[in-house]
Amino acid sequence: MSSFSAISITNSSFSIAAITYNDKYDYQEIEIFSILCGYVSVICWIFALYPQIIANFRQKSAKALSLALLTNWAIGDAANLIGSLFDENNKKLIGIVMGYMCAFLYVTGRLPQIYRNYKRKSVKGLSMTMFILIVLGNITYSLSIFTNPLVFFDLTFIRSEIPYFISSLGTLTFDTVIFLQWKYYSVRRGIYDEEGLEIIV
């Protein structure tokens, strides 16, 4: 028998659990990969908003960005923080409820932005770099869940991560729609020169 510690990263919170397993398989490499994916996800989320802030500053305007998106994002982050605090106090049920609230807010927050883009027939002013970082953050976070050795041993871990996986999958779906809008409106307006560079900032 041997044992190891597996680290689960839930956005900005860290939970550490020790598990034991028969030495039939070596989980060390996959554990390291899971941890690295988690850290990459956190880094992506830390820097995600900076490209949009720079784009707003350059254009002296933030009209391209949906206020509802930012509102849902902020409330979702607050709920996520509260859920993380409850998790640390072993109050799993409340943490999971907060996780589902986060998932709902993060996913539905994209809908006003998609509608705003459709209404404007443009994504000019939106930073695609921000959405790229968000997508990378969600992909690496999902990978950190599926490659965490706890997935094979701890049903409690799986249940606690389901809302965050739903959040990642849902936002990835709607972010894909935003990328398609960017592609469509850019081709339609022929924006691949200076205007295109502004969009991609």
N, C-alpha and C. Protein backbone atom coordinates (compact mmCIF):
# COMPACT_ATOMS: atom_id res chain seq x y z
N MET A 1 0.84 -1.20 0.00
CA MET A 1 0.00 0.00 0.00
C MET A 1 0.88 1.25 0.00
N SER A 2 0.39 2.27 -0.65
CA SER A 2 1.08 3.56 -0.62
C SER A 2 0.03 4.65 -0.60
N SER A 3 0.43 5.86 -0.30
CA SER A 3 -0.53 6.96 -0.20
C SER A 3 0.04 8.19 -0.84
N PHE A 4 -0.86 9.13 -1.21
CA PHE A 4 -0.42 10.40 -1.75
C PHE A 4 -1.48 11.44 -1.46
N SER A 5 -1.12 12.70 -1.61
CA SER A 5 -2.08 13.80 -1.42
C SER A 5 -2.47 14.34 -2.78
N ALA A 6 -3.77 14.51 -3.00
CA ALA A 6 -4.27 15.06 -4.27
C ALA A 6 -4.84 16.43 -4.01
N ILE A 7 -4.50 17.40 -4.86
CA ILE A 7 -4.96 18.77 -4.67
C ILE A 7 -6.04 19.10 -5.68
N SER A 8 -7.21 19.50 -5.19
CA SER A 8 -8.30 19.92 -6.06
C SER A 8 -8.38 21.43 -6.06
N ILE A 9 -8.42 22.04 -7.26
CA ILE A 9 -8.50 23.49 -7.35
C ILE A 9 -9.87 23.87 -7.86
N THR A 10 -10.65 24.55 -7.04
CA THR A 10 -11.96 25.03 -7.42
C THR A 10 -11.89 26.53 -7.54
N ASN A 11 -11.66 27.01 -8.83
CA ASN A 11 -11.38 28.41 -9.10
C ASN A 11 -10.24 28.87 -8.20
N SER A 12 -10.51 29.72 -7.20
CA SER A 12 -9.42 30.24 -6.40
C SER A 12 -9.26 29.52 -5.07
N SER A 13 -10.06 28.45 -4.84
CA SER A 13 -9.97 27.76 -3.56
C SER A 13 -9.23 26.44 -3.72
N PHE A 14 -8.60 25.99 -2.67
CA PHE A 14 -7.83 24.77 -2.70
C PHE A 14 -8.33 23.84 -1.60
N SER A 15 -8.59 22.58 -1.95
CA SER A 15 -8.93 21.60 -0.92
C SER A 15 -7.96 20.44 -1.06
N ILE A 16 -7.44 19.98 0.07
CA ILE A 16 -6.43 18.93 0.05
C ILE A 16 -6.98 17.69 0.74
N ALA A 17 -6.90 16.56 0.06
CA ALA A 17 -7.40 15.32 0.65
C ALA A 17 -6.35 14.23 0.46
N ALA A 18 -6.15 13.41 1.48
CA ALA A 18 -5.21 12.29 1.39
C ALA A 18 -5.98 11.01 1.16
N ILE A 19 -5.55 10.20 0.19
CA ILE A 19 -6.21 8.94 -0.08
C ILE A 19 -5.15 7.85 -0.22
N THR A 20 -5.59 6.62 -0.04
CA THR A 20 -4.69 5.50 -0.21
C THR A 20 -5.22 4.60 -1.32
N TYR A 21 -4.33 3.85 -1.97
CA TYR A 21 -4.75 2.98 -3.04
C TYR A 21 -3.74 1.85 -3.19
N ASN A 22 -4.19 0.76 -3.81
CA ASN A 22 -3.28 -0.34 -4.10
C ASN A 22 -2.27 0.11 -5.14
N ASP A 23 -1.09 -0.40 -5.05
CA ASP A 23 0.00 0.07 -5.90
C ASP A 23 -0.06 -0.56 -7.28
N LYS A 24 -1.27 -0.82 -7.79
CA LYS A 24 -1.43 -1.46 -9.09
C LYS A 24 -1.13 -0.47 -10.21
N TYR A 25 -1.55 0.77 -10.03
CA TYR A 25 -1.32 1.79 -11.04
C TYR A 25 -0.55 2.95 -10.42
N ASP A 26 0.20 3.62 -11.24
CA ASP A 26 0.96 4.78 -10.76
C ASP A 26 0.21 6.05 -11.15
N TYR A 27 -0.32 6.76 -10.18
CA TYR A 27 -1.12 7.95 -10.44
C TYR A 27 -0.31 9.24 -10.31
N GLN A 28 0.97 9.13 -10.09
CA GLN A 28 1.76 10.32 -9.79
C GLN A 28 1.78 11.30 -10.95
N GLU A 29 1.98 10.81 -12.17
CA GLU A 29 2.07 11.69 -13.33
C GLU A 29 0.74 12.38 -13.61
N ILE A 30 -0.35 11.63 -13.53
CA ILE A 30 -1.66 12.22 -13.80
C ILE A 30 -2.04 13.21 -12.70
N GLU A 31 -1.57 12.94 -11.48
CA GLU A 31 -1.82 13.87 -10.37
C GLU A 31 -1.11 15.21 -10.63
N ILE A 32 0.13 15.12 -11.07
CA ILE A 32 0.90 16.33 -11.37
C ILE A 32 0.24 17.11 -12.50
N PHE A 33 -0.22 16.39 -13.52
CA PHE A 33 -0.89 17.04 -14.65
C PHE A 33 -2.16 17.76 -14.18
N SER A 34 -2.92 17.11 -13.30
CA SER A 34 -4.14 17.71 -12.75
C SER A 34 -3.83 19.00 -12.00
N ILE A 35 -2.79 18.96 -11.18
CA ILE A 35 -2.40 20.14 -10.40
C ILE A 35 -1.96 21.27 -11.32
N LEU A 36 -1.16 20.96 -12.33
CA LEU A 36 -0.69 21.98 -13.28
C LEU A 36 -1.85 22.61 -14.03
N CYS A 37 -2.80 21.78 -14.47
CA CYS A 37 -3.99 22.30 -15.15
C CYS A 37 -4.76 23.25 -14.24
N GLY A 38 -4.86 22.89 -12.97
CA GLY A 38 -5.55 23.75 -12.01
C GLY A 38 -4.87 25.10 -11.87
N TYR A 39 -3.54 25.10 -11.79
CA TYR A 39 -2.81 26.36 -11.67
C TYR A 39 -2.92 27.21 -12.94
N VAL A 40 -2.86 26.56 -14.09
CA VAL A 40 -3.02 27.29 -15.36
C VAL A 40 -4.40 27.93 -15.42
N SER A 41 -5.42 27.19 -14.96
CA SER A 41 -6.77 27.73 -14.94
C SER A 41 -6.87 28.97 -14.07
N VAL A 42 -6.29 28.91 -12.89
CA VAL A 42 -6.30 30.06 -11.97
C VAL A 42 -5.60 31.27 -12.61
N ILE A 43 -4.46 31.03 -13.25
CA ILE A 43 -3.71 32.12 -13.89
C ILE A 43 -4.54 32.75 -15.01
N CYS A 44 -5.20 31.93 -15.81
CA CYS A 44 -6.05 32.45 -16.89
C CYS A 44 -7.14 33.35 -16.35
N TRP A 45 -7.76 32.92 -15.24
CA TRP A 45 -8.84 33.71 -14.66
C TRP A 45 -8.34 35.00 -14.02
N ILE A 46 -7.15 34.96 -13.46
CA ILE A 46 -6.58 36.17 -12.85
C ILE A 46 -6.40 37.27 -13.89
N PHE A 47 -5.94 36.88 -15.08
CA PHE A 47 -5.61 37.87 -16.10
C PHE A 47 -6.71 38.07 -17.15
N ALA A 48 -7.83 37.36 -17.02
CA ALA A 48 -8.86 37.37 -18.06
C ALA A 48 -9.41 38.76 -18.37
N LEU A 49 -9.63 39.57 -17.34
CA LEU A 49 -10.28 40.87 -17.56
C LEU A 49 -9.34 41.96 -18.07
N TYR A 50 -8.04 41.78 -17.91
CA TYR A 50 -7.10 42.83 -18.28
C TYR A 50 -7.17 43.23 -19.76
N PRO A 51 -7.27 42.29 -20.71
CA PRO A 51 -7.37 42.69 -22.11
C PRO A 51 -8.59 43.57 -22.40
N GLN A 52 -9.73 43.27 -21.73
CA GLN A 52 -10.92 44.09 -21.95
C GLN A 52 -10.75 45.47 -21.34
N ILE A 53 -10.10 45.55 -20.18
CA ILE A 53 -9.84 46.85 -19.55
C ILE A 53 -8.97 47.71 -20.46
N ILE A 54 -7.96 47.09 -21.06
CA ILE A 54 -7.07 47.81 -21.99
C ILE A 54 -7.85 48.27 -23.21
N ALA A 55 -8.71 47.38 -23.74
CA ALA A 55 -9.52 47.74 -24.91
C ALA A 55 -10.45 48.90 -24.60
N ASN A 56 -11.08 48.88 -23.41
CA ASN A 56 -11.97 49.97 -23.00
C ASN A 56 -11.20 51.29 -22.89
N PHE A 57 -10.00 51.21 -22.32
CA PHE A 57 -9.18 52.41 -22.15
C PHE A 57 -8.80 53.00 -23.51
N ARG A 58 -8.41 52.16 -24.45
CA ARG A 58 -8.00 52.63 -25.77
C ARG A 58 -9.15 53.27 -26.53
N GLN A 59 -10.36 52.69 -26.34
CA GLN A 59 -11.51 53.20 -27.08
C GLN A 59 -12.30 54.26 -26.30
N LYS A 60 -11.90 54.48 -25.05
CA LYS A 60 -12.60 55.43 -24.19
C LYS A 60 -14.08 55.08 -24.07
N SER A 61 -14.36 53.81 -24.08
CA SER A 61 -15.75 53.36 -24.03
C SER A 61 -15.81 51.90 -23.60
N ALA A 62 -16.93 51.55 -22.93
CA ALA A 62 -17.16 50.15 -22.55
C ALA A 62 -18.52 49.69 -23.06
N LYS A 63 -19.03 50.37 -24.09
CA LYS A 63 -20.40 50.09 -24.56
C LYS A 63 -20.54 48.72 -25.20
N ALA A 64 -19.42 48.12 -25.63
CA ALA A 64 -19.51 46.81 -26.28
C ALA A 64 -19.78 45.69 -25.27
N LEU A 65 -19.46 45.94 -24.01
CA LEU A 65 -19.57 44.90 -22.98
C LEU A 65 -20.92 44.99 -22.28
N SER A 66 -21.59 43.86 -22.16
CA SER A 66 -22.88 43.81 -21.50
C SER A 66 -22.71 43.96 -19.98
N LEU A 67 -23.46 44.91 -19.41
CA LEU A 67 -23.42 45.10 -17.97
C LEU A 67 -23.94 43.87 -17.23
N ALA A 68 -24.92 43.20 -17.84
CA ALA A 68 -25.48 41.99 -17.23
C ALA A 68 -24.42 40.89 -17.13
N LEU A 69 -23.53 40.80 -18.13
CA LEU A 69 -22.46 39.82 -18.08
C LEU A 69 -21.56 40.08 -16.88
N LEU A 70 -21.16 41.34 -16.70
CA LEU A 70 -20.29 41.70 -15.58
C LEU A 70 -21.00 41.49 -14.23
N THR A 71 -22.29 41.83 -14.19
CA THR A 71 -23.06 41.67 -12.95
C THR A 71 -23.15 40.20 -12.55
N ASN A 72 -23.53 39.36 -13.52
CA ASN A 72 -23.60 37.92 -13.23
C ASN A 72 -22.25 37.37 -12.84
N TRP A 73 -21.22 37.85 -13.51
CA TRP A 73 -19.86 37.40 -13.22
C TRP A 73 -19.48 37.74 -11.78
N ALA A 74 -19.78 38.99 -11.37
CA ALA A 74 -19.43 39.43 -10.02
C ALA A 74 -20.21 38.66 -8.96
N ILE A 75 -21.51 38.49 -9.18
CA ILE A 75 -22.33 37.76 -8.21
C ILE A 75 -21.90 36.29 -8.15
N GLY A 76 -21.58 35.73 -9.32
CA GLY A 76 -21.11 34.34 -9.37
C GLY A 76 -19.82 34.16 -8.60
N ASP A 77 -18.90 35.12 -8.75
CA ASP A 77 -17.63 35.06 -8.00
C ASP A 77 -17.87 35.14 -6.50
N ALA A 78 -18.83 36.01 -6.12
CA ALA A 78 -19.14 36.14 -4.69
C ALA A 78 -19.73 34.84 -4.14
N ALA A 79 -20.64 34.24 -4.92
CA ALA A 79 -21.25 32.97 -4.50
C ALA A 79 -20.19 31.87 -4.43
N ASN A 80 -19.26 31.91 -5.38
CA ASN A 80 -18.18 30.92 -5.40
C ASN A 80 -17.30 31.05 -4.17
N LEU A 81 -17.01 32.29 -3.79
CA LEU A 81 -16.19 32.53 -2.60
C LEU A 81 -16.90 32.03 -1.35
N ILE A 82 -18.20 32.33 -1.24
CA ILE A 82 -18.97 31.88 -0.08
C ILE A 82 -19.00 30.36 -0.03
N GLY A 83 -19.24 29.73 -1.21
CA GLY A 83 -19.27 28.28 -1.26
C GLY A 83 -17.95 27.66 -0.86
N SER A 84 -16.84 28.30 -1.23
CA SER A 84 -15.51 27.82 -0.88
C SER A 84 -15.29 27.88 0.62
N LEU A 85 -15.76 28.96 1.25
CA LEU A 85 -15.60 29.10 2.69
C LEU A 85 -16.39 28.03 3.44
N PHE A 86 -17.59 27.73 2.93
CA PHE A 86 -18.38 26.69 3.57
C PHE A 86 -17.75 25.33 3.39
N ASP A 87 -17.15 25.10 2.21
CA ASP A 87 -16.48 23.82 1.97
C ASP A 87 -15.37 23.60 2.99
N GLU A 88 -14.63 24.64 3.29
CA GLU A 88 -13.53 24.53 4.24
C GLU A 88 -14.03 24.20 5.64
N ASN A 89 -15.28 24.51 5.92
CA ASN A 89 -15.87 24.21 7.23
C ASN A 89 -16.68 22.92 7.19
N ASN A 90 -16.42 22.12 6.15
CA ASN A 90 -17.07 20.81 5.99
C ASN A 90 -18.59 20.91 5.86
N LYS A 91 -19.08 22.04 5.38
CA LYS A 91 -20.52 22.18 5.14
C LYS A 91 -20.75 22.00 3.64
N LYS A 92 -20.66 20.74 3.20
CA LYS A 92 -20.64 20.42 1.78
C LYS A 92 -21.93 20.80 1.06
N LEU A 93 -23.06 20.60 1.72
CA LEU A 93 -24.34 20.85 1.06
C LEU A 93 -24.44 22.30 0.63
N ILE A 94 -24.13 23.22 1.56
CA ILE A 94 -24.20 24.64 1.24
C ILE A 94 -23.19 24.98 0.14
N GLY A 95 -22.00 24.38 0.22
CA GLY A 95 -20.99 24.62 -0.81
C GLY A 95 -21.46 24.21 -2.18
N ILE A 96 -22.15 23.05 -2.25
CA ILE A 96 -22.66 22.55 -3.53
C ILE A 96 -23.77 23.44 -4.04
N VAL A 97 -24.67 23.89 -3.16
CA VAL A 97 -25.74 24.81 -3.56
C VAL A 97 -25.16 26.08 -4.16
N MET A 98 -24.14 26.63 -3.50
CA MET A 98 -23.47 27.81 -4.02
C MET A 98 -22.81 27.52 -5.36
N GLY A 99 -22.29 26.29 -5.51
CA GLY A 99 -21.67 25.90 -6.77
C GLY A 99 -22.67 25.91 -7.91
N TYR A 100 -23.87 25.40 -7.67
CA TYR A 100 -24.91 25.42 -8.70
C TYR A 100 -25.37 26.85 -9.00
N MET A 101 -25.40 27.69 -7.97
CA MET A 101 -25.74 29.09 -8.19
C MET A 101 -24.69 29.75 -9.09
N CYS A 102 -23.42 29.45 -8.83
CA CYS A 102 -22.33 29.97 -9.67
C CYS A 102 -22.51 29.53 -11.11
N ALA A 103 -22.79 28.23 -11.29
CA ALA A 103 -22.96 27.68 -12.63
C ALA A 103 -24.07 28.41 -13.38
N PHE A 104 -25.20 28.63 -12.69
CA PHE A 104 -26.33 29.32 -13.32
C PHE A 104 -25.95 30.75 -13.72
N LEU A 105 -25.29 31.45 -12.81
CA LEU A 105 -24.93 32.84 -13.07
C LEU A 105 -23.89 32.97 -14.18
N TYR A 106 -22.87 32.12 -14.15
CA TYR A 106 -21.82 32.20 -15.17
C TYR A 106 -22.36 31.87 -16.56
N VAL A 107 -23.21 30.83 -16.62
CA VAL A 107 -23.73 30.41 -17.92
C VAL A 107 -24.73 31.41 -18.49
N THR A 108 -25.70 31.82 -17.67
CA THR A 108 -26.73 32.74 -18.16
C THR A 108 -26.17 34.14 -18.41
N GLY A 109 -25.03 34.46 -17.78
CA GLY A 109 -24.43 35.78 -17.99
C GLY A 109 -23.99 36.00 -19.42
N ARG A 110 -23.74 34.91 -20.16
CA ARG A 110 -23.31 35.05 -21.56
C ARG A 110 -24.46 35.46 -22.47
N LEU A 111 -25.68 35.11 -22.10
CA LEU A 111 -26.83 35.36 -22.97
C LEU A 111 -27.05 36.85 -23.28
N PRO A 112 -26.97 37.75 -22.28
CA PRO A 112 -27.12 39.17 -22.59
C PRO A 112 -26.03 39.68 -23.53
N GLN A 113 -24.80 39.15 -23.39
CA GLN A 113 -23.72 39.57 -24.28
C GLN A 113 -23.95 39.10 -25.71
N ILE A 114 -24.43 37.87 -25.84
CA ILE A 114 -24.73 37.34 -27.17
C ILE A 114 -25.84 38.16 -27.82
N TYR A 115 -26.87 38.50 -27.03
CA TYR A 115 -27.97 39.31 -27.56
C TYR A 115 -27.49 40.70 -27.93
N ARG A 116 -26.63 41.28 -27.11
CA ARG A 116 -26.09 42.61 -27.38
C ARG A 116 -25.29 42.61 -28.68
N ASN A 117 -24.48 41.59 -28.88
CA ASN A 117 -23.72 41.48 -30.13
C ASN A 117 -24.65 41.38 -31.33
N TYR A 118 -25.71 40.57 -31.16
CA TYR A 118 -26.68 40.39 -32.24
C TYR A 118 -27.40 41.69 -32.56
N LYS A 119 -27.77 42.41 -31.52
CA LYS A 119 -28.50 43.67 -31.71
C LYS A 119 -27.62 44.71 -32.39
N ARG A 120 -26.34 44.75 -32.03
CA ARG A 120 -25.40 45.72 -32.62
C ARG A 120 -24.88 45.25 -33.98
N LYS A 121 -25.07 43.97 -34.28
CA LYS A 121 -24.50 43.37 -35.50
C LYS A 121 -22.99 43.57 -35.53
N SER A 122 -22.38 43.50 -34.38
CA SER A 122 -20.95 43.76 -34.28
C SER A 122 -20.43 43.29 -32.93
N VAL A 123 -19.15 42.95 -32.91
CA VAL A 123 -18.47 42.66 -31.64
C VAL A 123 -17.32 43.63 -31.44
N LYS A 124 -17.33 44.73 -32.22
CA LYS A 124 -16.27 45.71 -32.10
C LYS A 124 -16.25 46.28 -30.67
N GLY A 125 -15.08 46.30 -30.09
CA GLY A 125 -14.93 46.79 -28.72
C GLY A 125 -14.79 45.67 -27.71
N LEU A 126 -15.22 44.46 -28.12
CA LEU A 126 -15.05 43.31 -27.24
C LEU A 126 -13.65 42.74 -27.42
N SER A 127 -13.03 42.39 -26.32
CA SER A 127 -11.71 41.77 -26.39
C SER A 127 -11.84 40.27 -26.54
N MET A 128 -11.45 39.77 -27.72
CA MET A 128 -11.47 38.33 -27.93
C MET A 128 -10.39 37.64 -27.09
N THR A 129 -9.33 38.38 -26.75
CA THR A 129 -8.30 37.81 -25.89
C THR A 129 -8.88 37.45 -24.53
N MET A 130 -9.80 38.28 -24.03
CA MET A 130 -10.45 37.99 -22.76
C MET A 130 -11.20 36.66 -22.85
N PHE A 131 -11.95 36.48 -23.93
CA PHE A 131 -12.72 35.25 -24.08
C PHE A 131 -11.82 34.04 -24.32
N ILE A 132 -10.69 34.26 -25.00
CA ILE A 132 -9.72 33.17 -25.19
C ILE A 132 -9.18 32.70 -23.83
N LEU A 133 -8.84 33.66 -22.96
CA LEU A 133 -8.34 33.31 -21.63
C LEU A 133 -9.41 32.60 -20.82
N ILE A 134 -10.66 33.05 -20.96
CA ILE A 134 -11.77 32.41 -20.24
C ILE A 134 -11.93 30.97 -20.71
N VAL A 135 -11.88 30.77 -22.03
CA VAL A 135 -12.02 29.42 -22.60
C VAL A 135 -10.88 28.53 -22.12
N LEU A 136 -9.65 29.04 -22.17
CA LEU A 136 -8.51 28.26 -21.69
C LEU A 136 -8.64 27.93 -20.21
N GLY A 137 -9.14 28.91 -19.43
CA GLY A 137 -9.35 28.68 -18.01
C GLY A 137 -10.35 27.57 -17.75
N ASN A 138 -11.45 27.58 -18.52
CA ASN A 138 -12.47 26.55 -18.34
C ASN A 138 -12.00 25.17 -18.81
N ILE A 139 -11.27 25.14 -19.93
CA ILE A 139 -10.76 23.86 -20.43
C ILE A 139 -9.78 23.23 -19.44
N THR A 140 -8.82 24.04 -18.98
CA THR A 140 -7.82 23.50 -18.06
C THR A 140 -8.44 23.14 -16.71
N TYR A 141 -9.48 23.89 -16.30
CA TYR A 141 -10.15 23.53 -15.06
C TYR A 141 -10.86 22.18 -15.19
N SER A 142 -11.55 21.98 -16.33
CA SER A 142 -12.23 20.70 -16.58
C SER A 142 -11.22 19.56 -16.61
N LEU A 143 -10.07 19.80 -17.24
CA LEU A 143 -9.03 18.78 -17.27
C LEU A 143 -8.51 18.47 -15.87
N SER A 144 -8.41 19.51 -15.03
CA SER A 144 -7.93 19.28 -13.67
C SER A 144 -8.89 18.41 -12.87
N ILE A 145 -10.19 18.49 -13.21
CA ILE A 145 -11.18 17.65 -12.53
C ILE A 145 -11.04 16.20 -12.99
N PHE A 146 -11.06 16.01 -14.32
CA PHE A 146 -11.09 14.66 -14.86
C PHE A 146 -9.78 13.90 -14.67
N THR A 147 -8.68 14.62 -14.48
CA THR A 147 -7.40 13.94 -14.27
C THR A 147 -7.01 13.87 -12.80
N ASN A 148 -7.88 14.36 -11.93
CA ASN A 148 -7.61 14.27 -10.49
C ASN A 148 -7.85 12.83 -10.03
N PRO A 149 -6.86 12.19 -9.42
CA PRO A 149 -7.04 10.79 -8.98
C PRO A 149 -8.24 10.59 -8.06
N LEU A 150 -8.69 11.62 -7.39
CA LEU A 150 -9.85 11.49 -6.50
C LEU A 150 -11.11 11.10 -7.27
N VAL A 151 -11.15 11.38 -8.57
CA VAL A 151 -12.29 11.02 -9.39
C VAL A 151 -12.54 9.51 -9.34
N PHE A 152 -11.46 8.74 -9.20
CA PHE A 152 -11.57 7.28 -9.21
C PHE A 152 -11.88 6.69 -7.83
N PHE A 153 -11.83 7.51 -6.79
CA PHE A 153 -11.95 6.97 -5.44
C PHE A 153 -13.00 7.65 -4.57
N ASP A 154 -13.29 8.91 -4.83
CA ASP A 154 -14.08 9.70 -3.88
C ASP A 154 -15.33 10.24 -4.54
N LEU A 155 -16.49 9.63 -4.24
CA LEU A 155 -17.75 10.09 -4.82
C LEU A 155 -18.13 11.48 -4.32
N THR A 156 -17.75 11.81 -3.10
CA THR A 156 -18.02 13.13 -2.55
C THR A 156 -17.33 14.21 -3.38
N PHE A 157 -16.09 13.92 -3.76
CA PHE A 157 -15.34 14.86 -4.61
C PHE A 157 -16.06 15.06 -5.94
N ILE A 158 -16.53 13.98 -6.54
CA ILE A 158 -17.22 14.07 -7.84
C ILE A 158 -18.47 14.91 -7.71
N ARG A 159 -19.27 14.64 -6.67
CA ARG A 159 -20.51 15.40 -6.48
C ARG A 159 -20.24 16.89 -6.27
N SER A 160 -19.19 17.20 -5.53
CA SER A 160 -18.89 18.60 -5.24
C SER A 160 -18.39 19.34 -6.47
N GLU A 161 -17.82 18.61 -7.45
CA GLU A 161 -17.27 19.25 -8.64
C GLU A 161 -18.26 19.33 -9.78
N ILE A 162 -19.39 18.62 -9.71
CA ILE A 162 -20.36 18.61 -10.81
C ILE A 162 -20.83 20.01 -11.18
N PRO A 163 -21.25 20.87 -10.22
CA PRO A 163 -21.71 22.21 -10.62
C PRO A 163 -20.64 23.02 -11.32
N TYR A 164 -19.38 22.87 -10.91
CA TYR A 164 -18.31 23.63 -11.54
C TYR A 164 -18.01 23.11 -12.94
N PHE A 165 -18.19 21.81 -13.14
CA PHE A 165 -18.03 21.26 -14.48
C PHE A 165 -19.15 21.74 -15.40
N ILE A 166 -20.37 21.77 -14.86
CA ILE A 166 -21.50 22.28 -15.64
C ILE A 166 -21.24 23.73 -16.03
N SER A 167 -20.72 24.50 -15.09
CA SER A 167 -20.39 25.90 -15.35
C SER A 167 -19.37 26.02 -16.48
N SER A 168 -18.32 25.20 -16.42
CA SER A 168 -17.29 25.24 -17.44
C SER A 168 -17.83 24.85 -18.80
N LEU A 169 -18.61 23.77 -18.85
CA LEU A 169 -19.16 23.29 -20.12
C LEU A 169 -20.15 24.29 -20.70
N GLY A 170 -21.00 24.86 -19.83
CA GLY A 170 -22.00 25.83 -20.30
C GLY A 170 -21.37 27.09 -20.85
N THR A 171 -20.39 27.63 -20.12
CA THR A 171 -19.75 28.86 -20.59
C THR A 171 -18.93 28.60 -21.85
N LEU A 172 -18.31 27.42 -21.96
CA LEU A 172 -17.59 27.07 -23.18
C LEU A 172 -18.53 27.07 -24.38
N THR A 173 -19.74 26.55 -24.18
CA THR A 173 -20.72 26.50 -25.26
C THR A 173 -21.09 27.90 -25.73
N PHE A 174 -21.41 28.78 -24.79
CA PHE A 174 -21.83 30.13 -25.17
C PHE A 174 -20.65 31.00 -25.62
N ASP A 175 -19.46 30.74 -25.09
CA ASP A 175 -18.28 31.46 -25.58
C ASP A 175 -17.99 31.09 -27.02
N THR A 176 -18.30 29.84 -27.38
CA THR A 176 -18.16 29.41 -28.78
C THR A 176 -19.10 30.21 -29.67
N VAL A 177 -20.31 30.47 -29.18
CA VAL A 177 -21.27 31.29 -29.92
C VAL A 177 -20.70 32.69 -30.13
N ILE A 178 -20.09 33.26 -29.09
CA ILE A 178 -19.50 34.60 -29.20
C ILE A 178 -18.36 34.60 -30.22
N PHE A 179 -17.54 33.56 -30.23
CA PHE A 179 -16.47 33.46 -31.23
C PHE A 179 -17.06 33.38 -32.64
N LEU A 180 -18.14 32.62 -32.79
CA LEU A 180 -18.79 32.52 -34.10
C LEU A 180 -19.36 33.87 -34.53
N GLN A 181 -19.93 34.61 -33.57
CA GLN A 181 -20.41 35.96 -33.88
C GLN A 181 -19.26 36.85 -34.34
N TRP A 182 -18.14 36.77 -33.64
CA TRP A 182 -16.97 37.57 -34.02
C TRP A 182 -16.53 37.24 -35.44
N LYS A 183 -16.48 35.94 -35.75
CA LYS A 183 -16.07 35.50 -37.08
C LYS A 183 -17.06 36.00 -38.13
N TYR A 184 -18.34 35.82 -37.86
CA TYR A 184 -19.39 36.19 -38.82
C TYR A 184 -19.40 37.69 -39.09
N TYR A 185 -19.44 38.49 -38.03
CA TYR A 185 -19.51 39.94 -38.22
C TYR A 185 -18.22 40.51 -38.79
N SER A 186 -17.08 39.89 -38.47
CA SER A 186 -15.82 40.35 -39.03
C SER A 186 -15.77 40.11 -40.53
N VAL A 187 -16.19 38.92 -40.96
CA VAL A 187 -16.21 38.60 -42.39
C VAL A 187 -17.22 39.48 -43.11
N ARG A 188 -18.38 39.66 -42.48
CA ARG A 188 -19.45 40.45 -43.10
C ARG A 188 -19.03 41.89 -43.33
N ARG A 189 -18.30 42.46 -42.39
CA ARG A 189 -17.88 43.85 -42.51
C ARG A 189 -16.47 44.00 -43.06
N GLY A 190 -15.82 42.85 -43.33
CA GLY A 190 -14.47 42.91 -43.87
C GLY A 190 -13.47 43.47 -42.88
N ILE A 191 -13.67 43.20 -41.60
CA ILE A 191 -12.81 43.79 -40.56
C ILE A 191 -11.61 42.89 -40.30
N TYR A 192 -10.59 43.05 -41.08
CA TYR A 192 -9.36 42.31 -40.85
C TYR A 192 -8.15 43.23 -40.92
N ASP A 193 -8.43 44.54 -40.76
CA ASP A 193 -7.33 45.49 -40.76
C ASP A 193 -7.21 46.10 -39.37
N GLU A 194 -7.19 47.44 -39.28
CA GLU A 194 -7.03 48.09 -37.99
C GLU A 194 -8.20 47.81 -37.06
N GLU A 195 -9.43 47.78 -37.62
CA GLU A 195 -10.60 47.50 -36.79
C GLU A 195 -10.50 46.08 -36.21
N GLY A 196 -10.04 45.14 -37.04
CA GLY A 196 -9.90 43.78 -36.58
C GLY A 196 -8.93 43.68 -35.42
N LEU A 197 -7.86 44.44 -35.48
CA LEU A 197 -6.88 44.41 -34.40
C LEU A 197 -7.48 44.96 -33.11
N GLU A 198 -8.35 45.95 -33.24
CA GLU A 198 -9.00 46.50 -32.05
C GLU A 198 -9.88 45.44 -31.39
N ILE A 199 -10.56 44.66 -32.22
CA ILE A 199 -11.46 43.63 -31.68
C ILE A 199 -10.68 42.55 -30.94
N ILE A 200 -9.53 42.20 -31.48
CA ILE A 200 -8.78 41.08 -30.94
C ILE A 200 -7.95 41.47 -29.73
N VAL A 201 -7.77 42.76 -29.47
CA VAL A 201 -6.88 43.21 -28.39
C VAL A 201 -7.02 42.34 -27.14
